[in-house]
Amino acid sequence: MENMNKKILCILISAVLAAALLFTGGPASAARKPPDIVVNGVRIDAGGAYIENGVTYVPLRAVSEGLGAMVNWDEGAYTVNIELAAHADDTKVSDVISEISPSVVAIVGTYSDSPSSYKDRYSEGIAHGTGVIIKSGGDILTNAHVVDGLRNIVVVLHDGSAYNGAVRYVDTGSDLAVVKIDRLGLPIVTFADHFIAGETVVALGTPLSFSLRNSASKGIISGVNRGMLSEYALIQTDAAINRGNSGGPLVNMNGQVVGINSRKFEGVGIEGIGFSIPSDTVTYVLNQFYEYGEVRRAGLDASLEEGWAARYGLPTKEGLKVLSSAGTARAGGLLPGDEILSIGGANVHSHVDFNECMKKYKRGESVELIIRRGAEESALVLTLE
């Protein structure tokens, strides 16, 4: 990487010397077609490029930005400032970490006798996790499994100040919870309204030891809509997520939270496979918390089974099979043996698909289902339980 940067700098320095002529107008070139300039295989718009005495002169900005660098002209200092892409990216990550860190907290407590698994996961009777500030009045978002069985909760802010915390809301289905502390004027996080695979992200948290509070790791969004070990779709990331990171934010380069870090795969030969609860699920759950004090999921009074392809994550057109039905589902015509193909226009192949669909509805609302009964497809309108 260092050699590559040196090569880029050499190219840019040459371009600076050429650009010095261009800033003053440059010598008039014969009426010849300007040369095409190709940078890393991509033709760039290098208006003003010309050849004289066998030397090619190209505008500084055109070549620099083609190489991914940033160029700024300081008229007062009569200076061209060039920032290489790698350095710019590192600076951006550093800025994001500085911006989001004051809204990230550590959550510490002691485990109770139940669940016994805490004795396997933590030493000396101390458990810790991570959270993010969602309300300036002291509401902290974290994972439900972080506070499960946790007593004597203490929330430690970025500045090292500590406050007693109490669990306000918990939803094990989404693995989200809210802890309340008595403090005003806290800096809150903002949530992203979209995200895509390939985005650069940073995970923040308190991995392994409380002494590593507010550690950061960089990676990308490896995939979205992952139905792994969860009732809802998850974000997959290769940013390092370790024990204690749970409840911390996964942040994009705009300083927005795209997800809440929740779990990872561990084992010999497994690297860089972590998962976060996406911001849309977080928003859904928080809205339910603050409206009802709990998550009141809409659903069908029916037992549903996904096919083997969906269970193994294979592409499939198979819907959800109805094992049994009762209540409004049965009254609306849904029968055992039916196959649900879509709900409200969205295809459903798995339990995760079904739960994602239900986030759009409330109990008592009506929704149209497309089902297959035998060889025929038909529509049913059912009231959600």
Protein backbone atom coordinates (compact mmCIF):
# COMPACT_ATOMS: atom_id res chain seq x y z
CA MET A 1 0.00 0.00 0.00
CA GLU A 2 2.90 2.32 0.86
CA ASN A 3 4.51 1.71 -2.54
CA MET A 4 1.18 2.35 -4.25
CA ASN A 5 0.82 5.67 -2.41
CA LYS A 6 4.35 6.67 -3.48
CA LYS A 7 3.51 5.91 -7.09
CA ILE A 8 0.33 7.95 -6.84
CA LEU A 9 2.23 10.84 -5.29
CA CYS A 10 4.79 10.76 -8.12
CA ILE A 11 2.00 10.93 -10.66
CA LEU A 12 0.32 13.75 -8.79
CA ILE A 13 3.55 15.74 -8.44
CA SER A 14 4.06 15.50 -12.18
CA ALA A 15 0.49 16.60 -12.65
CA VAL A 16 1.07 19.57 -10.32
CA LEU A 17 3.95 20.78 -12.48
CA ALA A 18 1.80 20.43 -15.58
CA ALA A 19 -1.11 22.12 -13.84
CA ALA A 20 1.05 25.13 -12.95
CA LEU A 21 1.16 25.95 -16.64
CA LEU A 22 -2.55 25.37 -16.98
CA PHE A 23 -3.35 27.72 -14.09
CA THR A 24 -1.63 30.48 -16.07
CA GLY A 25 -3.30 29.50 -19.29
CA GLY A 26 -0.58 27.21 -20.71
CA PRO A 27 1.00 27.55 -24.10
CA ALA A 28 -1.22 27.51 -27.11
CA SER A 29 -1.30 24.09 -28.67
CA ALA A 30 -1.57 23.38 -32.33
CA ALA A 31 -5.05 22.67 -33.65
CA ARG A 32 -4.84 19.00 -32.78
CA LYS A 33 -7.37 16.75 -31.13
CA PRO A 34 -6.77 16.70 -27.33
CA PRO A 35 -5.51 13.33 -26.13
CA ASP A 36 -7.86 10.93 -24.36
CA ILE A 37 -6.84 10.43 -20.73
CA VAL A 38 -7.53 7.01 -19.19
CA VAL A 39 -7.01 6.48 -15.43
CA ASN A 40 -7.17 2.91 -14.12
CA GLY A 41 -8.97 1.84 -17.27
CA VAL A 42 -11.59 4.61 -17.06
CA ARG A 43 -11.65 7.51 -19.52
CA ILE A 44 -11.87 10.79 -17.59
CA ASP A 45 -13.01 14.25 -18.59
CA ALA A 46 -9.66 16.05 -18.84
CA GLY A 47 -10.60 19.18 -20.74
CA GLY A 48 -7.51 21.28 -21.40
CA ALA A 49 -5.15 18.35 -21.83
CA TYR A 50 -2.57 18.77 -24.59
CA ILE A 51 0.75 17.44 -25.86
CA GLU A 52 3.78 19.62 -26.48
CA ASN A 53 7.30 18.54 -27.37
CA GLY A 54 6.38 14.96 -26.59
CA VAL A 55 5.16 15.83 -23.08
CA THR A 56 1.52 15.32 -22.06
CA TYR A 57 0.00 18.08 -19.91
CA VAL A 58 -3.15 17.20 -17.97
CA PRO A 59 -5.23 19.28 -15.50
CA LEU A 60 -4.28 18.40 -11.96
CA ARG A 61 -7.83 17.95 -10.67
CA ALA A 62 -8.85 15.61 -13.48
CA VAL A 63 -6.05 13.11 -12.85
CA SER A 64 -6.12 13.40 -9.05
CA GLU A 65 -9.84 12.79 -8.72
CA GLY A 66 -9.58 10.01 -11.28
CA LEU A 67 -7.17 8.33 -8.88
CA GLY A 68 -9.58 8.85 -6.01
CA ALA A 69 -7.72 11.75 -4.43
CA MET A 70 -9.19 15.10 -3.40
CA VAL A 71 -7.72 18.38 -4.69
CA ASN A 72 -8.30 21.83 -3.20
CA TRP A 73 -6.82 25.12 -4.41
CA ASP A 74 -5.99 27.60 -1.64
CA GLU A 75 -5.86 30.99 -3.40
CA GLY A 76 -4.61 32.85 -0.32
CA ALA A 77 -1.68 30.51 0.26
CA TYR A 78 -1.29 29.88 -3.47
CA THR A 79 -1.18 26.18 -2.65
CA VAL A 80 -2.67 23.02 -4.15
CA ASN A 81 -3.69 20.57 -1.38
CA ILE A 82 -3.89 16.90 -2.41
CA GLU A 83 -5.41 14.26 -0.13
CA LEU A 84 -4.97 10.65 -1.18
CA ALA A 85 -8.04 8.41 -1.15
CA ALA A 86 -6.70 6.06 1.53
CA HIS A 87 -5.98 8.96 3.86
CA ALA A 88 -9.37 10.53 3.16
CA ASP A 89 -11.12 7.27 4.01
CA ASP A 90 -9.20 6.92 7.27
CA THR A 91 -10.06 10.50 8.16
CA LYS A 92 -13.73 9.86 7.49
CA VAL A 93 -13.77 6.77 9.71
CA SER A 94 -12.03 8.71 12.46
CA ASP A 95 -14.60 11.52 12.19
CA VAL A 96 -17.49 9.05 12.41
CA ILE A 97 -16.03 7.39 15.52
CA SER A 98 -15.56 10.78 17.18
CA GLU A 99 -19.10 11.79 16.29
CA ILE A 100 -20.89 8.64 17.46
CA SER A 101 -18.80 7.72 20.54
CA PRO A 102 -20.49 10.19 22.96
CA SER A 103 -23.79 8.38 22.28
CA VAL A 104 -22.38 4.91 23.01
CA VAL A 105 -22.45 3.57 26.57
CA ALA A 106 -21.27 0.54 28.48
CA ILE A 107 -23.79 -1.46 30.52
CA VAL A 108 -22.45 -3.30 33.56
CA GLY A 109 -24.15 -5.52 36.12
CA THR A 110 -24.07 -8.78 38.02
CA TYR A 111 -25.74 -11.94 36.82
CA SER A 112 -28.41 -13.68 38.80
CA ASP A 113 -28.57 -17.42 39.38
CA SER A 114 -30.60 -17.69 36.17
CA PRO A 115 -29.72 -18.11 33.36
CA SER A 116 -26.79 -20.33 34.33
CA SER A 117 -25.16 -19.66 30.96
CA TYR A 118 -23.98 -16.32 32.34
CA LYS A 119 -21.50 -18.23 34.50
CA ASP A 120 -19.99 -19.64 31.33
CA ARG A 121 -19.86 -16.32 29.51
CA TYR A 122 -18.54 -14.00 32.22
CA SER A 123 -16.01 -14.19 35.01
CA GLU A 124 -15.99 -12.87 38.57
CA GLY A 125 -19.75 -12.38 38.55
CA ILE A 126 -19.59 -9.25 36.37
CA ALA A 127 -21.45 -8.98 33.09
CA HIS A 128 -21.19 -6.16 30.59
CA GLY A 129 -22.57 -5.10 27.24
CA THR A 130 -23.11 -2.01 25.16
CA GLY A 131 -25.96 0.41 24.45
CA VAL A 132 -26.77 3.55 22.49
CA ILE A 133 -28.57 6.67 23.68
CA ILE A 134 -31.92 7.09 21.90
CA LYS A 135 -33.52 9.79 24.07
CA SER A 136 -31.75 12.75 25.65
CA GLY A 137 -33.67 12.11 28.87
CA GLY A 138 -31.78 8.88 29.55
CA ASP A 139 -33.26 6.08 27.41
CA ILE A 140 -30.60 3.55 26.35
CA LEU A 141 -31.21 0.96 23.63
CA THR A 142 -29.47 -2.40 23.96
CA ASN A 143 -30.05 -6.12 23.34
CA ALA A 144 -32.59 -8.04 25.37
CA HIS A 145 -29.99 -10.74 26.01
CA VAL A 146 -27.65 -8.14 27.54
CA VAL A 147 -30.10 -7.36 30.35
CA ASP A 148 -31.55 -10.86 30.70
CA GLY A 149 -30.94 -11.88 34.31
CA LEU A 150 -28.83 -8.78 34.93
CA ARG A 151 -28.97 -7.11 38.36
CA ASN A 152 -27.45 -3.93 39.81
CA ILE A 153 -27.29 -2.33 36.36
CA VAL A 154 -24.88 0.57 35.93
CA VAL A 155 -24.62 2.60 32.72
CA VAL A 156 -21.22 4.20 32.07
CA LEU A 157 -21.22 7.16 29.69
CA HIS A 158 -18.47 8.15 27.27
CA ASP A 159 -17.02 10.63 29.77
CA GLY A 160 -16.71 7.93 32.43
CA SER A 161 -19.65 9.07 34.57
CA ALA A 162 -21.85 6.24 35.84
CA TYR A 163 -25.58 6.03 36.59
CA ASN A 164 -27.84 3.34 37.99
CA GLY A 165 -30.04 1.87 35.30
CA ALA A 166 -33.41 0.12 35.26
CA VAL A 167 -34.86 -2.01 32.49
CA ARG A 168 -37.85 -0.18 31.04
CA TYR A 169 -38.85 -2.35 28.07
CA VAL A 170 -37.82 -5.79 26.85
CA ASP A 171 -38.72 -7.76 23.72
CA THR A 172 -37.02 -11.13 23.39
CA GLY A 173 -38.51 -11.72 19.94
CA SER A 174 -36.46 -8.92 18.42
CA ASP A 175 -33.69 -9.13 21.06
CA LEU A 176 -34.11 -5.44 21.93
CA ALA A 177 -34.51 -3.67 25.26
CA VAL A 178 -34.50 -0.15 26.70
CA VAL A 179 -32.69 0.79 29.92
CA LYS A 180 -33.49 4.05 31.70
CA ILE A 181 -31.03 6.25 33.62
CA ASP A 182 -31.63 9.50 35.50
CA ARG A 183 -29.74 11.96 33.31
CA LEU A 184 -30.82 14.78 30.98
CA GLY A 185 -29.19 16.41 27.96
CA LEU A 186 -27.59 13.29 26.50
CA PRO A 187 -26.47 13.15 22.83
CA ILE A 188 -28.66 10.76 20.84
CA VAL A 189 -27.96 8.62 17.80
CA THR A 190 -29.81 8.89 14.49
CA PHE A 191 -30.92 5.85 12.52
CA ALA A 192 -30.34 5.30 8.81
CA ASP A 193 -33.43 4.81 6.66
CA HIS A 194 -31.62 2.61 4.13
CA PHE A 195 -28.47 0.55 3.74
CA ILE A 196 -26.91 -1.67 1.09
CA ALA A 197 -24.37 -4.45 0.89
CA GLY A 198 -20.84 -3.13 0.43
CA GLU A 199 -21.23 -0.02 2.57
CA THR A 200 -18.34 0.77 4.89
CA VAL A 201 -19.44 0.50 8.52
CA VAL A 202 -17.94 0.79 11.99
CA ALA A 203 -18.98 -1.28 15.01
CA LEU A 204 -18.55 0.25 18.46
CA GLY A 205 -18.85 -1.44 21.82
CA THR A 206 -17.20 -2.91 24.89
CA PRO A 207 -15.72 -6.24 23.79
CA LEU A 208 -14.39 -8.87 26.20
CA SER A 209 -13.33 -6.51 28.98
CA PHE A 210 -14.73 -3.30 30.42
CA SER A 211 -11.25 -1.83 30.00
CA LEU A 212 -11.88 -1.97 26.21
CA ARG A 213 -14.87 0.35 26.46
CA ASN A 214 -15.81 2.16 23.21
CA SER A 215 -13.60 0.03 20.98
CA ALA A 216 -14.19 0.41 17.24
CA SER A 217 -13.81 -2.03 14.36
CA LYS A 218 -14.19 -1.33 10.67
CA GLY A 219 -15.77 -3.48 7.97
CA ILE A 220 -18.52 -3.56 5.40
CA ILE A 221 -22.11 -4.68 5.23
CA SER A 222 -21.57 -8.20 3.91
CA GLY A 223 -25.23 -8.85 3.21
CA VAL A 224 -28.78 -7.85 4.10
CA ASN A 225 -32.02 -9.74 4.77
CA ARG A 226 -30.21 -12.60 6.47
CA GLY A 227 -32.60 -15.00 8.20
CA MET A 228 -30.12 -16.48 10.67
CA LEU A 229 -31.00 -17.34 14.28
CA SER A 230 -33.61 -14.59 14.41
CA GLU A 231 -37.32 -13.96 14.00
CA TYR A 232 -36.48 -10.98 11.76
CA ALA A 233 -34.07 -10.30 8.91
CA LEU A 234 -30.58 -9.28 10.00
CA ILE A 235 -27.64 -7.35 8.57
CA GLN A 236 -24.47 -9.38 8.09
CA THR A 237 -21.14 -7.63 8.61
CA ASP A 238 -17.46 -8.53 8.73
CA ALA A 239 -16.72 -5.75 11.25
CA ALA A 240 -15.37 -7.46 14.35
CA ILE A 241 -18.16 -8.14 16.87
CA ASN A 242 -17.13 -9.86 20.09
CA ARG A 243 -18.73 -10.68 23.41
CA GLY A 244 -19.60 -7.40 25.07
CA ASN A 245 -20.24 -5.65 21.74
CA SER A 246 -23.88 -6.73 21.96
CA GLY A 247 -26.21 -3.75 21.98
CA GLY A 248 -23.68 -1.44 20.34
CA PRO A 249 -24.21 0.38 17.06
CA LEU A 250 -23.20 -0.51 13.52
CA VAL A 251 -22.63 2.91 11.95
CA ASN A 252 -22.36 4.07 8.33
CA MET A 253 -20.03 6.78 7.07
CA ASN A 254 -22.73 9.43 7.60
CA GLY A 255 -22.64 8.73 11.33
CA GLN A 256 -26.05 7.02 11.23
CA VAL A 257 -26.86 3.75 12.98
CA VAL A 258 -27.75 1.08 10.43
CA GLY A 259 -28.10 -1.67 13.03
CA ILE A 260 -27.68 -2.83 16.61
CA ASN A 261 -24.99 -5.49 16.95
CA SER A 262 -26.49 -8.68 18.26
CA ARG A 263 -24.55 -11.88 17.58
CA LYS A 264 -21.84 -13.64 15.59
CA PHE A 265 -20.83 -17.09 14.45
CA GLU A 266 -17.88 -18.57 16.29
CA GLY A 267 -15.85 -21.68 15.62
CA VAL A 268 -12.81 -23.12 13.92
CA GLY A 269 -12.61 -21.83 10.35
CA ILE A 270 -15.28 -19.15 10.91
CA GLU A 271 -14.21 -15.53 10.57
CA GLY A 272 -15.96 -12.21 10.13
CA ILE A 273 -19.60 -13.34 10.27
CA GLY A 274 -21.48 -11.03 12.61
CA PHE A 275 -25.07 -9.86 12.64
CA SER A 276 -26.91 -6.67 13.51
CA ILE A 277 -30.58 -5.89 13.98
CA PRO A 278 -31.41 -3.46 11.15
CA SER A 279 -32.63 0.07 11.81
CA ASP A 280 -36.12 -0.56 10.38
CA THR A 281 -36.73 -3.36 12.88
CA VAL A 282 -35.34 -1.17 15.67
CA THR A 283 -37.71 1.65 14.71
CA TYR A 284 -40.67 -0.76 14.59
CA VAL A 285 -39.93 -2.14 18.05
CA LEU A 286 -39.29 1.28 19.62
CA ASN A 287 -42.57 2.64 18.24
CA GLN A 288 -44.35 -0.32 19.85
CA PHE A 289 -42.52 0.19 23.14
CA TYR A 290 -43.51 3.84 23.40
CA GLU A 291 -47.09 3.30 22.25
CA TYR A 292 -47.99 0.14 24.16
CA GLY A 293 -45.17 -0.55 26.59
CA GLU A 294 -44.56 -3.82 24.75
CA VAL A 295 -44.46 -5.19 21.21
CA ARG A 296 -47.99 -6.13 20.13
CA ARG A 297 -47.34 -8.10 16.99
CA ALA A 298 -50.03 -8.67 14.42
CA GLY A 299 -50.37 -12.22 13.20
CA LEU A 300 -52.62 -15.06 12.10
CA ASP A 301 -54.29 -17.54 14.41
CA ALA A 302 -52.62 -20.35 12.54
CA SER A 303 -49.65 -22.69 12.78
CA LEU A 304 -47.36 -22.28 9.78
CA GLU A 305 -44.48 -24.37 8.46
CA GLU A 306 -41.75 -23.32 6.07
CA GLY A 307 -40.39 -25.70 3.45
CA TRP A 308 -37.01 -27.44 3.64
CA ALA A 309 -35.49 -25.09 1.04
CA ALA A 310 -36.34 -22.04 3.15
CA ARG A 311 -34.95 -23.72 6.26
CA TYR A 312 -31.62 -24.17 4.52
CA GLY A 313 -31.63 -20.71 2.93
CA LEU A 314 -32.07 -21.97 -0.64
CA PRO A 315 -33.99 -20.03 -3.29
CA THR A 316 -37.57 -21.26 -3.42
CA LYS A 317 -41.03 -20.33 -4.67
CA GLU A 318 -42.66 -22.48 -2.02
CA GLY A 319 -44.88 -20.62 0.43
CA LEU A 320 -45.78 -21.28 4.06
CA LYS A 321 -47.87 -24.38 4.70
CA VAL A 322 -50.82 -24.07 7.08
CA LEU A 323 -50.73 -26.86 9.67
CA SER A 324 -53.76 -25.63 11.62
CA SER A 325 -56.01 -22.58 11.78
CA ALA A 326 -58.50 -21.09 14.23
CA GLY A 327 -60.20 -17.81 15.15
CA THR A 328 -60.38 -15.12 12.49
CA ALA A 329 -58.02 -17.08 10.22
CA ARG A 330 -60.34 -20.07 10.13
CA ALA A 331 -63.41 -17.82 9.88
CA GLY A 332 -61.81 -16.06 6.91
CA GLY A 333 -61.39 -19.34 5.05
CA LEU A 334 -57.78 -20.34 5.83
CA LEU A 335 -57.66 -24.14 6.12
CA PRO A 336 -55.05 -26.72 7.08
CA GLY A 337 -53.12 -27.77 3.98
CA ASP A 338 -53.33 -24.33 2.36
CA GLU A 339 -50.09 -22.76 1.19
CA ILE A 340 -49.69 -19.00 1.81
CA LEU A 341 -47.86 -17.48 -1.15
CA SER A 342 -48.07 -13.76 -0.38
CA ILE A 343 -49.35 -11.33 2.24
CA GLY A 344 -50.33 -7.82 1.24
CA GLY A 345 -48.53 -8.29 -2.07
CA ALA A 346 -45.25 -9.45 -0.50
CA ASN A 347 -44.09 -13.01 -1.18
CA VAL A 348 -43.53 -15.18 1.89
CA HIS A 349 -41.30 -18.24 1.88
CA SER A 350 -40.14 -18.37 5.51
CA HIS A 351 -41.07 -17.43 9.05
CA VAL A 352 -38.72 -14.44 8.75
CA ASP A 353 -40.58 -13.29 5.60
CA PHE A 354 -43.86 -13.59 7.50
CA ASN A 355 -42.61 -11.59 10.50
CA GLU A 356 -41.16 -8.90 8.23
CA CYS A 357 -44.56 -8.56 6.53
CA MET A 358 -46.34 -8.27 9.88
CA LYS A 359 -44.23 -5.23 10.84
CA LYS A 360 -46.41 -3.19 8.47
CA TYR A 361 -49.69 -4.05 10.21
CA LYS A 362 -51.45 -3.74 13.54
CA ARG A 363 -53.81 -6.14 15.25
CA GLY A 364 -57.36 -5.88 13.95
CA GLU A 365 -56.33 -4.69 10.47
CA SER A 366 -57.36 -6.67 7.40
CA VAL A 367 -54.90 -8.02 4.86
CA GLU A 368 -55.15 -9.94 1.60
CA LEU A 369 -53.48 -13.31 1.31
CA ILE A 370 -52.84 -15.24 -1.87
CA ILE A 371 -53.04 -18.95 -1.13
CA ARG A 372 -52.67 -22.17 -3.07
CA ARG A 373 -55.18 -24.92 -2.33
CA GLY A 374 -54.44 -27.99 -4.32
CA ALA A 375 -53.63 -26.77 -7.84
CA GLU A 376 -55.61 -23.51 -7.62
CA GLU A 377 -54.65 -20.09 -6.30
CA SER A 378 -57.15 -17.74 -4.67
CA ALA A 379 -57.31 -14.62 -2.51
CA LEU A 380 -58.48 -14.39 1.08
CA VAL A 381 -59.02 -11.27 3.20
CA LEU A 382 -58.29 -11.99 6.84
CA THR A 383 -58.37 -9.96 10.05
CA LEU A 384 -55.05 -10.05 11.87
CA GLU A 385 -55.01 -11.29 15.46
